[in-house]
Amino acid sequence: MPPLLGIGDMGQMMTFLLPAALAAVIGGFAFRIWYRRWKKQRIEANRRVEAPNSYYSSKGVRQQEDRERWHGINMGTLHPLNREEVMRLLEVVDADGVSSLSPKDRLFLDNMTLPRMGV
């Protein structure tokens, strides 16, 4: 049977364990503070801020620009068949939004805008 620890042995063990535990707790807090600062610096270093007037824009902004451009089509210069189709598509855009158009319909409206018609 192993000998039991005496009171003197417990005192020696406590003088060793207490500072070791305290050092581990303080080291853990220090590591946590260091890691948070390091992570924050890393995120800030990788962050990209777009310049104003960037050519990137959100989907909502592009849809609003498309809607404004399509509503600016001069109906008087269009062939009657094209005029009817443009008016039908603009009614769809007004009722259901730009996202309800098919890619083919979007291309048709884009081709009817003034910059593409050379005017």
N, C-alpha and C. Protein backbone atom coordinates (compact mmCIF):
# COMPACT_ATOMS: atom_id res chain seq x y z
N MET A 1 0.83 -1.17 0.00
CA MET A 1 0.00 0.00 0.00
C MET A 1 0.88 1.24 0.00
N PRO A 2 0.58 2.22 -0.91
CA PRO A 2 1.44 3.41 -0.96
C PRO A 2 1.24 4.25 0.29
N PRO A 3 2.29 4.93 0.70
CA PRO A 3 2.17 5.76 1.90
C PRO A 3 1.29 6.97 1.61
N LEU A 4 0.51 7.35 2.59
CA LEU A 4 -0.34 8.53 2.49
C LEU A 4 0.50 9.79 2.63
N LEU A 5 0.04 10.84 1.99
CA LEU A 5 0.77 12.10 2.08
C LEU A 5 0.52 12.72 3.44
N GLY A 6 1.53 13.23 3.98
CA GLY A 6 1.40 13.88 5.28
C GLY A 6 1.09 15.35 5.10
N ILE A 7 0.88 16.02 6.19
CA ILE A 7 0.56 17.45 6.15
C ILE A 7 1.73 18.24 5.59
N GLY A 8 2.91 17.88 5.88
CA GLY A 8 4.09 18.59 5.37
C GLY A 8 4.23 18.42 3.87
N ASP A 9 3.90 17.20 3.39
CA ASP A 9 3.97 16.95 1.96
C ASP A 9 2.92 17.77 1.21
N MET A 10 1.74 17.91 1.81
CA MET A 10 0.68 18.70 1.19
C MET A 10 1.10 20.16 1.10
N GLY A 11 1.76 20.67 2.10
CA GLY A 11 2.22 22.05 2.08
C GLY A 11 3.23 22.28 0.98
N GLN A 12 4.14 21.32 0.78
CA GLN A 12 5.13 21.46 -0.28
C GLN A 12 4.46 21.42 -1.66
N MET A 13 3.45 20.54 -1.79
CA MET A 13 2.76 20.44 -3.07
C MET A 13 1.97 21.72 -3.35
N MET A 14 1.35 22.30 -2.32
CA MET A 14 0.57 23.52 -2.50
C MET A 14 1.48 24.70 -2.86
N THR A 15 2.67 24.74 -2.31
CA THR A 15 3.58 25.83 -2.65
C THR A 15 4.02 25.74 -4.10
N PHE A 16 3.94 24.56 -4.68
CA PHE A 16 4.28 24.40 -6.09
C PHE A 16 3.06 24.59 -6.99
N LEU A 17 1.92 24.00 -6.61
CA LEU A 17 0.73 24.03 -7.45
C LEU A 17 0.07 25.40 -7.51
N LEU A 18 0.03 26.10 -6.41
CA LEU A 18 -0.63 27.41 -6.38
C LEU A 18 0.04 28.40 -7.33
N PRO A 19 1.34 28.58 -7.29
CA PRO A 19 1.95 29.50 -8.27
C PRO A 19 1.83 29.00 -9.72
N ALA A 20 1.86 27.68 -9.93
CA ALA A 20 1.73 27.14 -11.28
C ALA A 20 0.33 27.41 -11.81
N ALA A 21 -0.69 27.22 -10.98
CA ALA A 21 -2.06 27.49 -11.40
C ALA A 21 -2.27 28.97 -11.67
N LEU A 22 -1.72 29.81 -10.80
CA LEU A 22 -1.82 31.25 -10.99
C LEU A 22 -1.13 31.69 -12.28
N ALA A 23 0.03 31.12 -12.55
CA ALA A 23 0.75 31.44 -13.79
C ALA A 23 -0.04 30.99 -15.02
N ALA A 24 -0.70 29.84 -14.93
CA ALA A 24 -1.49 29.34 -16.05
C ALA A 24 -2.69 30.25 -16.31
N VAL A 25 -3.36 30.71 -15.26
CA VAL A 25 -4.51 31.59 -15.43
C VAL A 25 -4.07 32.93 -16.02
N ILE A 26 -3.03 33.51 -15.48
CA ILE A 26 -2.54 34.80 -16.00
C ILE A 26 -2.04 34.64 -17.43
N GLY A 27 -1.34 33.55 -17.70
CA GLY A 27 -0.87 33.29 -19.07
C GLY A 27 -2.03 33.11 -20.04
N GLY A 28 -3.09 32.45 -19.59
CA GLY A 28 -4.27 32.28 -20.43
C GLY A 28 -4.91 33.62 -20.78
N PHE A 29 -5.04 34.50 -19.77
CA PHE A 29 -5.60 35.83 -20.03
C PHE A 29 -4.70 36.63 -20.97
N ALA A 30 -3.39 36.56 -20.74
CA ALA A 30 -2.46 37.29 -21.60
C ALA A 30 -2.52 36.78 -23.03
N PHE A 31 -2.60 35.46 -23.19
CA PHE A 31 -2.69 34.90 -24.53
C PHE A 31 -3.99 35.33 -25.21
N ARG A 32 -5.08 35.35 -24.45
CA ARG A 32 -6.37 35.76 -25.02
C ARG A 32 -6.33 37.21 -25.48
N ILE A 33 -5.73 38.10 -24.70
CA ILE A 33 -5.61 39.51 -25.08
C ILE A 33 -4.74 39.63 -26.32
N TRP A 34 -3.61 38.93 -26.34
CA TRP A 34 -2.71 38.98 -27.50
C TRP A 34 -3.42 38.47 -28.76
N TYR A 35 -4.14 37.35 -28.62
CA TYR A 35 -4.80 36.76 -29.78
C TYR A 35 -5.86 37.70 -30.33
N ARG A 36 -6.65 38.34 -29.50
CA ARG A 36 -7.68 39.27 -29.98
C ARG A 36 -7.05 40.45 -30.71
N ARG A 37 -5.97 40.99 -30.18
CA ARG A 37 -5.29 42.11 -30.87
C ARG A 37 -4.72 41.65 -32.20
N TRP A 38 -4.11 40.47 -32.20
CA TRP A 38 -3.53 39.94 -33.44
C TRP A 38 -4.60 39.72 -34.49
N LYS A 39 -5.74 39.15 -34.09
CA LYS A 39 -6.83 38.89 -35.02
C LYS A 39 -7.40 40.20 -35.57
N LYS A 40 -7.57 41.20 -34.70
CA LYS A 40 -8.08 42.50 -35.13
C LYS A 40 -7.14 43.15 -36.14
N GLN A 41 -5.84 43.09 -35.88
CA GLN A 41 -4.87 43.67 -36.81
C GLN A 41 -4.89 42.94 -38.14
N ARG A 42 -5.04 41.64 -38.09
CA ARG A 42 -5.06 40.85 -39.33
C ARG A 42 -6.30 41.17 -40.17
N ILE A 43 -7.45 41.32 -39.50
CA ILE A 43 -8.67 41.67 -40.22
C ILE A 43 -8.54 43.06 -40.84
N GLU A 44 -8.00 44.01 -40.08
CA GLU A 44 -7.84 45.37 -40.60
C GLU A 44 -6.86 45.41 -41.76
N ALA A 45 -5.82 44.57 -41.71
CA ALA A 45 -4.84 44.55 -42.78
C ALA A 45 -5.43 44.00 -44.08
N ASN A 46 -6.37 43.06 -43.97
CA ASN A 46 -6.97 42.44 -45.15
C ASN A 46 -8.21 43.16 -45.65
N ARG A 47 -8.67 44.17 -44.92
CA ARG A 47 -9.90 44.85 -45.30
C ARG A 47 -9.66 45.73 -46.51
N ARG A 48 -10.61 45.70 -47.43
CA ARG A 48 -10.52 46.53 -48.63
C ARG A 48 -11.68 47.51 -48.62
N VAL A 49 -11.36 48.75 -48.79
CA VAL A 49 -12.38 49.78 -48.84
C VAL A 49 -12.44 50.28 -50.27
N GLU A 50 -13.63 50.24 -50.84
CA GLU A 50 -13.77 50.70 -52.21
C GLU A 50 -13.75 52.22 -52.26
N ALA A 51 -13.14 52.71 -53.27
CA ALA A 51 -13.09 54.15 -53.47
C ALA A 51 -14.46 54.65 -53.91
N PRO A 52 -14.79 55.88 -53.58
CA PRO A 52 -16.05 56.41 -54.10
C PRO A 52 -16.03 56.40 -55.62
N ASN A 53 -17.19 56.31 -56.20
CA ASN A 53 -17.34 56.23 -57.66
C ASN A 53 -16.70 54.97 -58.22
N SER A 54 -16.69 53.94 -57.40
CA SER A 54 -16.16 52.66 -57.85
C SER A 54 -17.08 52.08 -58.93
N TYR A 55 -16.53 51.26 -59.78
CA TYR A 55 -17.35 50.66 -60.82
C TYR A 55 -18.13 49.46 -60.29
N TYR A 56 -17.91 49.08 -59.04
CA TYR A 56 -18.71 48.02 -58.43
C TYR A 56 -19.96 48.65 -57.83
N SER A 57 -21.11 48.02 -58.04
CA SER A 57 -22.34 48.51 -57.43
C SER A 57 -23.21 47.31 -57.08
N SER A 58 -24.12 47.54 -56.16
CA SER A 58 -24.98 46.46 -55.71
C SER A 58 -26.03 46.14 -56.77
N LYS A 59 -26.67 45.00 -56.60
CA LYS A 59 -27.69 44.56 -57.55
C LYS A 59 -28.85 45.55 -57.58
N GLY A 60 -29.25 46.06 -56.41
CA GLY A 60 -30.35 47.02 -56.36
C GLY A 60 -30.03 48.31 -57.10
N VAL A 61 -28.81 48.77 -56.98
CA VAL A 61 -28.39 50.01 -57.68
C VAL A 61 -28.39 49.77 -59.18
N ARG A 62 -27.88 48.63 -59.61
CA ARG A 62 -27.87 48.33 -61.05
C ARG A 62 -29.29 48.23 -61.60
N GLN A 63 -30.20 47.62 -60.82
CA GLN A 63 -31.58 47.51 -61.28
C GLN A 63 -32.23 48.88 -61.39
N GLN A 64 -31.95 49.77 -60.43
CA GLN A 64 -32.50 51.12 -60.50
C GLN A 64 -31.95 51.87 -61.70
N GLU A 65 -30.66 51.72 -61.98
CA GLU A 65 -30.07 52.38 -63.14
C GLU A 65 -30.68 51.85 -64.43
N ASP A 66 -30.88 50.52 -64.50
CA ASP A 66 -31.51 49.93 -65.70
C ASP A 66 -32.92 50.48 -65.89
N ARG A 67 -33.69 50.53 -64.80
CA ARG A 67 -35.06 51.02 -64.88
C ARG A 67 -35.09 52.46 -65.39
N GLU A 68 -34.22 53.32 -64.85
CA GLU A 68 -34.17 54.71 -65.29
C GLU A 68 -33.76 54.82 -66.75
N ARG A 69 -32.78 54.00 -67.16
CA ARG A 69 -32.32 54.05 -68.55
C ARG A 69 -33.43 53.58 -69.50
N TRP A 70 -34.13 52.52 -69.12
CA TRP A 70 -35.18 51.99 -69.98
C TRP A 70 -36.38 52.94 -70.07
N HIS A 71 -36.68 53.64 -68.99
CA HIS A 71 -37.79 54.60 -69.04
C HIS A 71 -37.42 55.84 -69.86
N GLY A 72 -36.13 56.00 -70.13
CA GLY A 72 -35.68 57.13 -70.93
C GLY A 72 -35.68 56.86 -72.42
N ILE A 73 -36.16 55.70 -72.83
CA ILE A 73 -36.19 55.36 -74.26
C ILE A 73 -37.20 56.27 -74.96
N ASN A 74 -36.77 56.87 -76.06
CA ASN A 74 -37.65 57.74 -76.84
C ASN A 74 -38.54 56.87 -77.72
N MET A 75 -39.80 56.79 -77.35
CA MET A 75 -40.74 55.91 -78.05
C MET A 75 -41.03 56.38 -79.48
N GLY A 76 -40.86 57.66 -79.74
CA GLY A 76 -41.15 58.19 -81.07
C GLY A 76 -40.18 57.71 -82.13
N THR A 77 -39.01 57.30 -81.75
CA THR A 77 -38.01 56.87 -82.73
C THR A 77 -38.07 55.37 -83.00
N LEU A 78 -38.92 54.65 -82.29
CA LEU A 78 -38.98 53.19 -82.43
C LEU A 78 -40.02 52.77 -83.46
N HIS A 79 -39.78 51.63 -84.06
CA HIS A 79 -40.75 51.00 -84.95
C HIS A 79 -41.97 50.62 -84.10
N PRO A 80 -43.19 50.67 -84.68
CA PRO A 80 -44.39 50.37 -83.89
C PRO A 80 -44.35 49.01 -83.18
N LEU A 81 -43.79 47.97 -83.81
CA LEU A 81 -43.71 46.66 -83.16
C LEU A 81 -42.77 46.71 -81.96
N ASN A 82 -41.62 47.37 -82.15
CA ASN A 82 -40.67 47.51 -81.04
C ASN A 82 -41.28 48.37 -79.94
N ARG A 83 -42.01 49.42 -80.31
CA ARG A 83 -42.62 50.31 -79.34
C ARG A 83 -43.60 49.54 -78.46
N GLU A 84 -44.43 48.69 -79.07
CA GLU A 84 -45.39 47.88 -78.30
C GLU A 84 -44.67 46.94 -77.33
N GLU A 85 -43.60 46.33 -77.81
CA GLU A 85 -42.85 45.40 -76.95
C GLU A 85 -42.17 46.14 -75.80
N VAL A 86 -41.58 47.30 -76.08
CA VAL A 86 -40.93 48.09 -75.03
C VAL A 86 -41.96 48.52 -73.99
N MET A 87 -43.13 48.97 -74.44
CA MET A 87 -44.16 49.40 -73.50
C MET A 87 -44.65 48.22 -72.65
N ARG A 88 -44.79 47.05 -73.26
CA ARG A 88 -45.21 45.87 -72.50
C ARG A 88 -44.17 45.51 -71.45
N LEU A 89 -42.90 45.51 -71.83
CA LEU A 89 -41.85 45.16 -70.89
C LEU A 89 -41.72 46.20 -69.77
N LEU A 90 -41.90 47.49 -70.10
CA LEU A 90 -41.83 48.51 -69.05
C LEU A 90 -42.99 48.37 -68.07
N GLU A 91 -44.15 47.92 -68.54
CA GLU A 91 -45.26 47.67 -67.64
C GLU A 91 -44.94 46.50 -66.70
N VAL A 92 -44.27 45.48 -67.23
CA VAL A 92 -43.86 44.34 -66.40
C VAL A 92 -42.86 44.81 -65.35
N VAL A 93 -41.91 45.66 -65.76
CA VAL A 93 -40.92 46.18 -64.82
C VAL A 93 -41.60 47.00 -63.72
N ASP A 94 -42.55 47.84 -64.09
CA ASP A 94 -43.24 48.66 -63.10
C ASP A 94 -44.08 47.81 -62.15
N ALA A 95 -44.66 46.73 -62.67
CA ALA A 95 -45.54 45.90 -61.84
C ALA A 95 -44.75 44.93 -60.96
N ASP A 96 -43.77 44.25 -61.54
CA ASP A 96 -43.10 43.15 -60.83
C ASP A 96 -41.63 43.40 -60.53
N GLY A 97 -41.05 44.46 -61.05
CA GLY A 97 -39.64 44.75 -60.79
C GLY A 97 -38.74 44.26 -61.91
N VAL A 98 -37.52 44.75 -61.88
CA VAL A 98 -36.54 44.44 -62.93
C VAL A 98 -36.16 42.96 -62.91
N SER A 99 -36.13 42.36 -61.72
CA SER A 99 -35.71 40.96 -61.63
C SER A 99 -36.70 40.00 -62.27
N SER A 100 -37.90 40.46 -62.61
CA SER A 100 -38.89 39.57 -63.23
C SER A 100 -38.65 39.40 -64.73
N LEU A 101 -37.76 40.19 -65.30
CA LEU A 101 -37.47 40.08 -66.73
C LEU A 101 -36.51 38.93 -67.00
N SER A 102 -36.68 38.30 -68.14
CA SER A 102 -35.74 37.26 -68.56
C SER A 102 -34.49 37.95 -69.14
N PRO A 103 -33.39 37.23 -69.22
CA PRO A 103 -32.20 37.82 -69.83
C PRO A 103 -32.44 38.30 -71.26
N LYS A 104 -33.29 37.58 -71.98
CA LYS A 104 -33.62 37.98 -73.36
C LYS A 104 -34.36 39.32 -73.37
N ASP A 105 -35.31 39.51 -72.45
CA ASP A 105 -36.04 40.77 -72.36
C ASP A 105 -35.13 41.92 -71.95
N ARG A 106 -34.23 41.65 -71.02
CA ARG A 106 -33.27 42.69 -70.59
C ARG A 106 -32.40 43.12 -71.77
N LEU A 107 -31.93 42.16 -72.54
CA LEU A 107 -31.10 42.47 -73.69
C LEU A 107 -31.88 43.29 -74.71
N PHE A 108 -33.14 42.94 -74.93
CA PHE A 108 -33.97 43.70 -75.86
C PHE A 108 -34.07 45.16 -75.41
N LEU A 109 -34.37 45.38 -74.12
CA LEU A 109 -34.49 46.76 -73.63
C LEU A 109 -33.15 47.49 -73.69
N ASP A 110 -32.07 46.78 -73.37
CA ASP A 110 -30.74 47.41 -73.46
C ASP A 110 -30.44 47.82 -74.90
N ASN A 111 -30.86 47.03 -75.86
CA ASN A 111 -30.61 47.37 -77.26
C ASN A 111 -31.46 48.54 -77.73
N MET A 112 -32.52 48.85 -77.03
CA MET A 112 -33.39 49.96 -77.42
C MET A 112 -33.00 51.30 -76.77
N THR A 113 -32.01 51.28 -75.90
CA THR A 113 -31.60 52.53 -75.26
C THR A 113 -30.82 53.41 -76.24
N LEU A 114 -30.80 54.68 -75.97
CA LEU A 114 -30.17 55.65 -76.88
C LEU A 114 -28.67 55.41 -77.13
N PRO A 115 -27.87 55.14 -76.09
CA PRO A 115 -26.43 54.98 -76.37
C PRO A 115 -26.15 53.84 -77.33
N ARG A 116 -26.94 52.79 -77.31
CA ARG A 116 -26.70 51.66 -78.20
C ARG A 116 -27.24 51.91 -79.60
N MET A 117 -28.16 52.86 -79.72
CA MET A 117 -28.72 53.14 -81.04
C MET A 117 -27.90 54.20 -81.78
N GLY A 118 -26.84 54.68 -81.21
CA GLY A 118 -25.96 55.62 -81.88
C GLY A 118 -26.46 57.03 -81.94
N VAL A 119 -27.45 57.38 -81.13
CA VAL A 119 -27.98 58.75 -81.15
C VAL A 119 -27.30 59.57 -80.10
